[in-house]
């Protein structure tokens, strides 16, 4: 009887231990099965986010200008600098500048000297950007310098057009000054100002474009 009772007791303990072990596995297996669809969703969302980061979207940055030329001579060469915070490529399609509220005759010599792209300078001397409109102060002329004809001869006011400043510029981010336009204002003692600069183009979703205006002399 003792042997039978002991054996029965051992079988009972073994059975109870197996039942507890089996029951303890049920919630864990259920949670693991329920987690599988969420893991798949997370992977899909990560893939979508990666694709969104590589999409190109339009950008527009407007900044205040500043002094274009100041006394005394010689010439004054302000700069428009366009920088990307990312390391991928971006595209500049428009650089619109607006002159200050001054006699338009003062702007007769405003032109583009050249553009530097990722450290390489391209000389693209143009004719003057603005002409006087009946000598009116109120007409604050504006011009997009992208696509301006390059001067191959003649004076700055009566240029013989040649090729063009690029209509669009593809640059790599990550350099100190990705794109830099150099302007020419005047070579005398006349002061004049640029009021606004607006730069537009395309960039990657996650990147940020910064525009700076560096005054002339």
C-alpha atoms as a PDB file:
ATOM      1  CA  UNK A   1       0.000   0.000   0.000  1.00  0.00           C
ATOM      2  CA  UNK A   2       2.765   2.372   0.801  1.00  0.00           C
ATOM      3  CA  UNK A   3       4.379   1.621  -2.567  1.00  0.00           C
ATOM      4  CA  UNK A   4       1.076   2.156  -4.392  1.00  0.00           C
ATOM      5  CA  UNK A   5       0.365   5.369  -2.520  1.00  0.00           C
ATOM      6  CA  UNK A   6       3.874   6.697  -3.178  1.00  0.00           C
ATOM      7  CA  UNK A   7       3.637   5.808  -6.855  1.00  0.00           C
ATOM      8  CA  UNK A   8       0.215   7.408  -7.128  1.00  0.00           C
ATOM      9  CA  UNK A   9       1.512  10.532  -5.422  1.00  0.00           C
ATOM     10  CA  UNK A  10       4.480  10.711  -7.825  1.00  0.00           C
ATOM     11  CA  UNK A  11       2.244  10.292 -10.872  1.00  0.00           C
ATOM     12  CA  UNK A  12      -0.093  12.997  -9.568  1.00  0.00           C
ATOM     13  CA  UNK A  13       2.813  15.438  -9.045  1.00  0.00           C
ATOM     14  CA  UNK A  14       4.227  14.687 -12.515  1.00  0.00           C
ATOM     15  CA  UNK A  15       0.796  15.170 -14.099  1.00  0.00           C
ATOM     16  CA  UNK A  16       0.256  18.446 -12.264  1.00  0.00           C
ATOM     17  CA  UNK A  17       3.735  19.675 -13.272  1.00  0.00           C
ATOM     18  CA  UNK A  18       3.075  18.887 -16.952  1.00  0.00           C
ATOM     19  CA  UNK A  19      -0.283  20.668 -16.787  1.00  0.00           C
ATOM     20  CA  UNK A  20       1.257  23.761 -15.222  1.00  0.00           C
ATOM     21  CA  UNK A  21       4.040  23.752 -17.788  1.00  0.00           C
ATOM     22  CA  UNK A  22       1.567  23.400 -20.653  1.00  0.00           C
ATOM     23  CA  UNK A  23      -0.700  26.141 -19.327  1.00  0.00           C
ATOM     24  CA  UNK A  24       2.244  28.461 -18.782  1.00  0.00           C
ATOM     25  CA  UNK A  25       3.203  28.096 -22.445  1.00  0.00           C
ATOM     26  CA  UNK A  26      -0.206  29.128 -23.781  1.00  0.00           C
ATOM     27  CA  UNK A  27      -0.047  32.922 -23.167  1.00  0.00           C
ATOM     28  CA  UNK A  28       3.533  33.150 -24.443  1.00  0.00           C
ATOM     29  CA  UNK A  29       2.747  31.373 -27.682  1.00  0.00           C
ATOM     30  CA  UNK A  30      -0.357  33.508 -28.107  1.00  0.00           C
ATOM     31  CA  UNK A  31       1.571  36.732 -27.639  1.00  0.00           C
ATOM     32  CA  UNK A  32       4.279  35.623 -30.048  1.00  0.00           C
ATOM     33  CA  UNK A  33       1.654  34.795 -32.671  1.00  0.00           C
ATOM     34  CA  UNK A  34      -0.090  38.143 -32.136  1.00  0.00           C
ATOM     35  CA  UNK A  35       3.222  40.044 -32.394  1.00  0.00           C
ATOM     36  CA  UNK A  36       4.062  38.658 -35.839  1.00  0.00           C
ATOM     37  CA  UNK A  37       1.614  40.874 -37.794  1.00  0.00           C
ATOM     38  CA  UNK A  38       2.827  44.004 -35.907  1.00  0.00           C
ATOM     39  CA  UNK A  39       6.456  43.211 -36.706  1.00  0.00           C
ATOM     40  CA  UNK A  40       5.526  42.898 -40.368  1.00  0.00           C
ATOM     41  CA  UNK A  41       3.675  46.233 -40.247  1.00  0.00           C
ATOM     42  CA  UNK A  42       6.664  47.902 -38.609  1.00  0.00           C
ATOM     43  CA  UNK A  43       8.953  46.621 -41.362  1.00  0.00           C
ATOM     44  CA  UNK A  44       6.581  47.885 -44.038  1.00  0.00           C
ATOM     45  CA  UNK A  45       6.321  51.321 -42.376  1.00  0.00           C
ATOM     46  CA  UNK A  46      10.112  51.566 -42.129  1.00  0.00           C
ATOM     47  CA  UNK A  47      10.399  50.762 -45.838  1.00  0.00           C
ATOM     48  CA  UNK A  48       7.784  53.422 -46.685  1.00  0.00           C
ATOM     49  CA  UNK A  49       9.559  56.026 -44.540  1.00  0.00           C
ATOM     50  CA  UNK A  50      12.864  55.265 -46.261  1.00  0.00           C
ATOM     51  CA  UNK A  51      11.223  55.803 -49.656  1.00  0.00           C
ATOM     52  CA  UNK A  52       9.620  59.065 -48.470  1.00  0.00           C
ATOM     53  CA  UNK A  53      13.006  60.375 -47.312  1.00  0.00           C
ATOM     54  CA  UNK A  54      14.349  59.838 -50.840  1.00  0.00           C
ATOM     55  CA  UNK A  55      11.478  61.640 -52.556  1.00  0.00           C
ATOM     56  CA  UNK A  56      12.154  65.066 -54.052  1.00  0.00           C
ATOM     57  CA  UNK A  57       9.812  67.876 -53.087  1.00  0.00           C
ATOM     58  CA  UNK A  58       9.771  71.560 -54.115  1.00  0.00           C
ATOM     59  CA  UNK A  59      11.319  74.166 -51.822  1.00  0.00           C
ATOM     60  CA  UNK A  60      11.187  77.969 -51.680  1.00  0.00           C
ATOM     61  CA  UNK A  61      13.373  80.123 -49.415  1.00  0.00           C
ATOM     62  CA  UNK A  62      13.045  83.916 -49.294  1.00  0.00           C
ATOM     63  CA  UNK A  63      15.501  86.088 -47.395  1.00  0.00           C
ATOM     64  CA  UNK A  64      16.245  89.783 -47.003  1.00  0.00           C
ATOM     65  CA  UNK A  65      19.015  91.102 -49.234  1.00  0.00           C
ATOM     66  CA  UNK A  66      21.406  93.820 -48.194  1.00  0.00           C
ATOM     67  CA  UNK A  67      24.096  96.162 -49.368  1.00  0.00           C
ATOM     68  CA  UNK A  68      25.035  95.569 -52.982  1.00  0.00           C
ATOM     69  CA  UNK A  69      27.658  98.268 -53.368  1.00  0.00           C
ATOM     70  CA  UNK A  70      29.182 100.774 -51.010  1.00  0.00           C
ATOM     71  CA  UNK A  71      31.680 103.592 -51.103  1.00  0.00           C
ATOM     72  CA  UNK A  72      34.517 103.689 -51.733  1.00  0.00           C
ATOM     73  CA  UNK A  73      35.635 102.047 -54.975  1.00  0.00           C
ATOM     74  CA  UNK A  74      36.743  99.554 -56.324  1.00  0.00           C
ATOM     75  CA  UNK A  75      34.056  97.101 -57.385  1.00  0.00           C
ATOM     76  CA  UNK A  76      31.682  95.375 -55.025  1.00  0.00           C
ATOM     77  CA  UNK A  77      30.773  91.702 -55.325  1.00  0.00           C
ATOM     78  CA  UNK A  78      27.964  90.463 -53.085  1.00  0.00           C
ATOM     79  CA  UNK A  79      27.230  86.743 -52.964  1.00  0.00           C
ATOM     80  CA  UNK A  80      24.129  84.561 -52.772  1.00  0.00           C
ATOM     81  CA  UNK A  81      24.995  81.267 -51.034  1.00  0.00           C
ATOM     82  CA  UNK A  82      22.723  78.201 -51.171  1.00  0.00           C
ATOM     83  CA  UNK A  83      23.484  75.345 -48.764  1.00  0.00           C
ATOM     84  CA  UNK A  84      21.831  71.980 -48.221  1.00  0.00           C
ATOM     85  CA  UNK A  85      21.906  70.403 -44.758  1.00  0.00           C
ATOM     86  CA  UNK A  86      21.787  66.948 -46.358  1.00  0.00           C
ATOM     87  CA  UNK A  87      24.409  64.961 -48.232  1.00  0.00           C
ATOM     88  CA  UNK A  88      22.312  64.077 -51.274  1.00  0.00           C
ATOM     89  CA  UNK A  89      21.754  66.098 -54.427  1.00  0.00           C
ATOM     90  CA  UNK A  90      19.395  69.049 -54.759  1.00  0.00           C
ATOM     91  CA  UNK A  91      18.309  71.250 -57.659  1.00  0.00           C
ATOM     92  CA  UNK A  92      18.153  75.055 -57.920  1.00  0.00           C
ATOM     93  CA  UNK A  93      15.722  76.241 -60.599  1.00  0.00           C
ATOM     94  CA  UNK A  94      15.215  79.923 -59.734  1.00  0.00           C
ATOM     95  CA  UNK A  95      17.149  82.742 -58.027  1.00  0.00           C
ATOM     96  CA  UNK A  96      14.904  85.788 -58.044  1.00  0.00           C
ATOM     97  CA  UNK A  97      16.312  89.105 -56.816  1.00  0.00           C
ATOM     98  CA  UNK A  98      14.475  92.369 -56.165  1.00  0.00           C
ATOM     99  CA  UNK A  99      16.226  95.735 -56.138  1.00  0.00           C
ATOM    100  CA  UNK A 100      15.891  98.240 -53.336  1.00  0.00           C
ATOM    101  CA  UNK A 101      13.860 101.444 -53.378  1.00  0.00           C
ATOM    102  CA  UNK A 102      16.394 103.637 -55.165  1.00  0.00           C
ATOM    103  CA  UNK A 103      16.918 105.439 -58.426  1.00  0.00           C
ATOM    104  CA  UNK A 104      16.940 102.618 -61.024  1.00  0.00           C
ATOM    105  CA  UNK A 105      19.833 104.366 -62.815  1.00  0.00           C
ATOM    106  CA  UNK A 106      21.998 103.179 -59.913  1.00  0.00           C
ATOM    107  CA  UNK A 107      21.450  99.571 -61.001  1.00  0.00           C
ATOM    108  CA  UNK A 108      22.693  99.982 -64.567  1.00  0.00           C
ATOM    109  CA  UNK A 109      25.739  97.768 -63.891  1.00  0.00           C
ATOM    110  CA  UNK A 110      24.197  95.018 -61.780  1.00  0.00           C
ATOM    111  CA  UNK A 111      25.172  91.705 -63.365  1.00  0.00           C
ATOM    112  CA  UNK A 112      26.210  88.108 -62.638  1.00  0.00           C
ATOM    113  CA  UNK A 113      29.953  87.428 -62.511  1.00  0.00           C
ATOM    114  CA  UNK A 114      29.718  83.681 -62.074  1.00  0.00           C
ATOM    115  CA  UNK A 115      28.521  80.683 -60.097  1.00  0.00           C
ATOM    116  CA  UNK A 116      30.476  78.216 -57.975  1.00  0.00           C
ATOM    117  CA  UNK A 117      29.079  74.670 -57.722  1.00  0.00           C
ATOM    118  CA  UNK A 118      30.602  72.351 -55.109  1.00  0.00           C
ATOM    119  CA  UNK A 119      33.886  74.225 -55.195  1.00  0.00           C
ATOM    120  CA  UNK A 120      34.221  74.709 -58.986  1.00  0.00           C
ATOM    121  CA  UNK A 121      33.813  78.290 -60.232  1.00  0.00           C
ATOM    122  CA  UNK A 122      32.176  78.957 -63.614  1.00  0.00           C
ATOM    123  CA  UNK A 123      32.558  82.493 -64.922  1.00  0.00           C
ATOM    124  CA  UNK A 124      29.268  83.580 -66.491  1.00  0.00           C
ATOM    125  CA  UNK A 125      29.454  87.351 -66.943  1.00  0.00           C
ATOM    126  CA  UNK A 126      26.105  88.726 -68.025  1.00  0.00           C
ATOM    127  CA  UNK A 127      24.782  92.088 -69.126  1.00  0.00           C
ATOM    128  CA  UNK A 128      23.004  94.336 -66.640  1.00  0.00           C
ATOM    129  CA  UNK A 129      19.921  92.837 -65.003  1.00  0.00           C
ATOM    130  CA  UNK A 130      17.827  96.006 -64.803  1.00  0.00           C
ATOM    131  CA  UNK A 131      17.190  99.079 -66.922  1.00  0.00           C
ATOM    132  CA  UNK A 132      15.593 102.313 -65.731  1.00  0.00           C
ATOM    133  CA  UNK A 133      11.828 102.328 -66.165  1.00  0.00           C
ATOM    134  CA  UNK A 134      11.205 106.030 -66.834  1.00  0.00           C
ATOM    135  CA  UNK A 135      13.429 106.896 -63.864  1.00  0.00           C
ATOM    136  CA  UNK A 136      10.717 105.802 -61.417  1.00  0.00           C
ATOM    137  CA  UNK A 137      11.752 104.994 -57.860  1.00  0.00           C
ATOM    138  CA  UNK A 138       8.557 103.078 -57.161  1.00  0.00           C
ATOM    139  CA  UNK A 139       9.142 100.361 -59.770  1.00  0.00           C
ATOM    140  CA  UNK A 140      11.326  97.953 -57.800  1.00  0.00           C
ATOM    141  CA  UNK A 141      12.403  95.717 -60.630  1.00  0.00           C
ATOM    142  CA  UNK A 142      12.999  92.019 -60.125  1.00  0.00           C
ATOM    143  CA  UNK A 143      14.787  89.419 -62.226  1.00  0.00           C
ATOM    144  CA  UNK A 144      15.538  85.707 -62.188  1.00  0.00           C
ATOM    145  CA  UNK A 145      19.270  85.314 -62.776  1.00  0.00           C
ATOM    146  CA  UNK A 146      18.928  81.658 -63.804  1.00  0.00           C
ATOM    147  CA  UNK A 147      19.104  81.403 -67.594  1.00  0.00           C
ATOM    148  CA  UNK A 148      20.454  84.931 -68.108  1.00  0.00           C
ATOM    149  CA  UNK A 149      22.437  85.275 -71.367  1.00  0.00           C
ATOM    150  CA  UNK A 150      26.205  85.296 -70.912  1.00  0.00           C
ATOM    151  CA  UNK A 151      27.920  88.334 -72.435  1.00  0.00           C
ATOM    152  CA  UNK A 152      30.315  87.414 -75.261  1.00  0.00           C
ATOM    153  CA  UNK A 153      30.968  90.982 -76.361  1.00  0.00           C
ATOM    154  CA  UNK A 154      29.778  94.560 -76.189  1.00  0.00           C
ATOM    155  CA  UNK A 155      29.364  96.654 -73.073  1.00  0.00           C
ATOM    156  CA  UNK A 156      27.532  95.664 -69.904  1.00  0.00           C
ATOM    157  CA  UNK A 157      24.576  97.811 -71.043  1.00  0.00           C
ATOM    158  CA  UNK A 158      24.595  96.691 -74.687  1.00  0.00           C
ATOM    159  CA  UNK A 159      25.830  93.101 -74.444  1.00  0.00           C
ATOM    160  CA  UNK A 160      26.138  90.649 -77.283  1.00  0.00           C
ATOM    161  CA  UNK A 161      24.433  87.544 -75.892  1.00  0.00           C
ATOM    162  CA  UNK A 162      26.184  84.215 -76.016  1.00  0.00           C
ATOM    163  CA  UNK A 163      25.318  81.131 -73.970  1.00  0.00           C
ATOM    164  CA  UNK A 164      23.408  81.166 -70.705  1.00  0.00           C
ATOM    165  CA  UNK A 165      23.769  80.990 -66.985  1.00  0.00           C
ATOM    166  CA  UNK A 166      22.414  77.473 -66.211  1.00  0.00           C
ATOM    167  CA  UNK A 167      18.637  77.238 -66.243  1.00  0.00           C
ATOM    168  CA  UNK A 168      18.934  74.762 -63.385  1.00  0.00           C
ATOM    169  CA  UNK A 169      21.804  73.609 -61.198  1.00  0.00           C
ATOM    170  CA  UNK A 170      22.230  70.142 -59.691  1.00  0.00           C
ATOM    171  CA  UNK A 171      24.541  70.230 -56.677  1.00  0.00           C
ATOM    172  CA  UNK A 172      25.669  67.845 -53.950  1.00  0.00           C
ATOM    173  CA  UNK A 173      24.936  68.689 -50.347  1.00  0.00           C
ATOM    174  CA  UNK A 174      27.549  68.377 -47.648  1.00  0.00           C
ATOM    175  CA  UNK A 175      30.092  70.951 -48.823  1.00  0.00           C
ATOM    176  CA  UNK A 176      30.546  74.247 -46.969  1.00  0.00           C
ATOM    177  CA  UNK A 177      28.956  76.381 -49.707  1.00  0.00           C
ATOM    178  CA  UNK A 178      27.184  74.111 -52.187  1.00  0.00           C
ATOM    179  CA  UNK A 179      26.124  76.819 -54.671  1.00  0.00           C
ATOM    180  CA  UNK A 180      27.437  80.382 -54.658  1.00  0.00           C
ATOM    181  CA  UNK A 181      26.489  83.183 -57.073  1.00  0.00           C
ATOM    182  CA  UNK A 182      28.792  86.211 -57.293  1.00  0.00           C
ATOM    183  CA  UNK A 183      27.263  89.476 -58.505  1.00  0.00           C
ATOM    184  CA  UNK A 184      28.830  92.704 -59.760  1.00  0.00           C
ATOM    185  CA  UNK A 185      27.268  95.970 -58.630  1.00  0.00           C
ATOM    186  CA  UNK A 186      29.322  99.049 -59.470  1.00  0.00           C
ATOM    187  CA  UNK A 187      32.891 100.299 -59.450  1.00  0.00           C
ATOM    188  CA  UNK A 188      32.258 103.798 -58.114  1.00  0.00           C
ATOM    189  CA  UNK A 189      31.093 105.348 -54.867  1.00  0.00           C
ATOM    190  CA  UNK A 190      27.359 104.882 -55.420  1.00  0.00           C
ATOM    191  CA  UNK A 191      25.509 102.913 -52.708  1.00  0.00           C
ATOM    192  CA  UNK A 192      22.644 100.602 -53.610  1.00  0.00           C
ATOM    193  CA  UNK A 193      20.797  97.686 -52.045  1.00  0.00           C
ATOM    194  CA  UNK A 194      19.134  94.375 -52.890  1.00  0.00           C
ATOM    195  CA  UNK A 195      15.828  94.123 -51.049  1.00  0.00           C
ATOM    196  CA  UNK A 196      14.937  90.419 -51.333  1.00  0.00           C
ATOM    197  CA  UNK A 197      16.305  87.145 -52.689  1.00  0.00           C
ATOM    198  CA  UNK A 198      14.029  84.171 -53.365  1.00  0.00           C
ATOM    199  CA  UNK A 199      15.502  80.773 -54.224  1.00  0.00           C
ATOM    200  CA  UNK A 200      13.393  77.845 -55.419  1.00  0.00           C
ATOM    201  CA  UNK A 201      14.058  74.294 -56.565  1.00  0.00           C
ATOM    202  CA  UNK A 202      13.841  70.648 -55.486  1.00  0.00           C
ATOM    203  CA  UNK A 203      15.274  68.820 -52.474  1.00  0.00           C
ATOM    204  CA  UNK A 204      14.927  65.525 -50.638  1.00  0.00           C
ATOM    205  CA  UNK A 205      12.138  65.413 -48.073  1.00  0.00           C
ATOM    206  CA  UNK A 206      14.432  65.186 -45.045  1.00  0.00           C
ATOM    207  CA  UNK A 207      16.903  67.870 -46.198  1.00  0.00           C
ATOM    208  CA  UNK A 208      16.866  71.572 -45.314  1.00  0.00           C
ATOM    209  CA  UNK A 209      17.970  74.365 -47.663  1.00  0.00           C
ATOM    210  CA  UNK A 210      19.587  77.523 -46.276  1.00  0.00           C
ATOM    211  CA  UNK A 211      20.098  80.731 -48.288  1.00  0.00           C
ATOM    212  CA  UNK A 212      22.438  83.585 -47.242  1.00  0.00           C
ATOM    213  CA  UNK A 213      23.186  86.968 -48.735  1.00  0.00           C
ATOM    214  CA  UNK A 214      26.723  88.246 -48.210  1.00  0.00           C
ATOM    215  CA  UNK A 215      26.891  92.031 -48.785  1.00  0.00           C
ATOM    216  CA  UNK A 216      29.428  93.654 -51.087  1.00  0.00           C
ATOM    217  CA  UNK A 217      32.339  95.837 -50.002  1.00  0.00           C
END
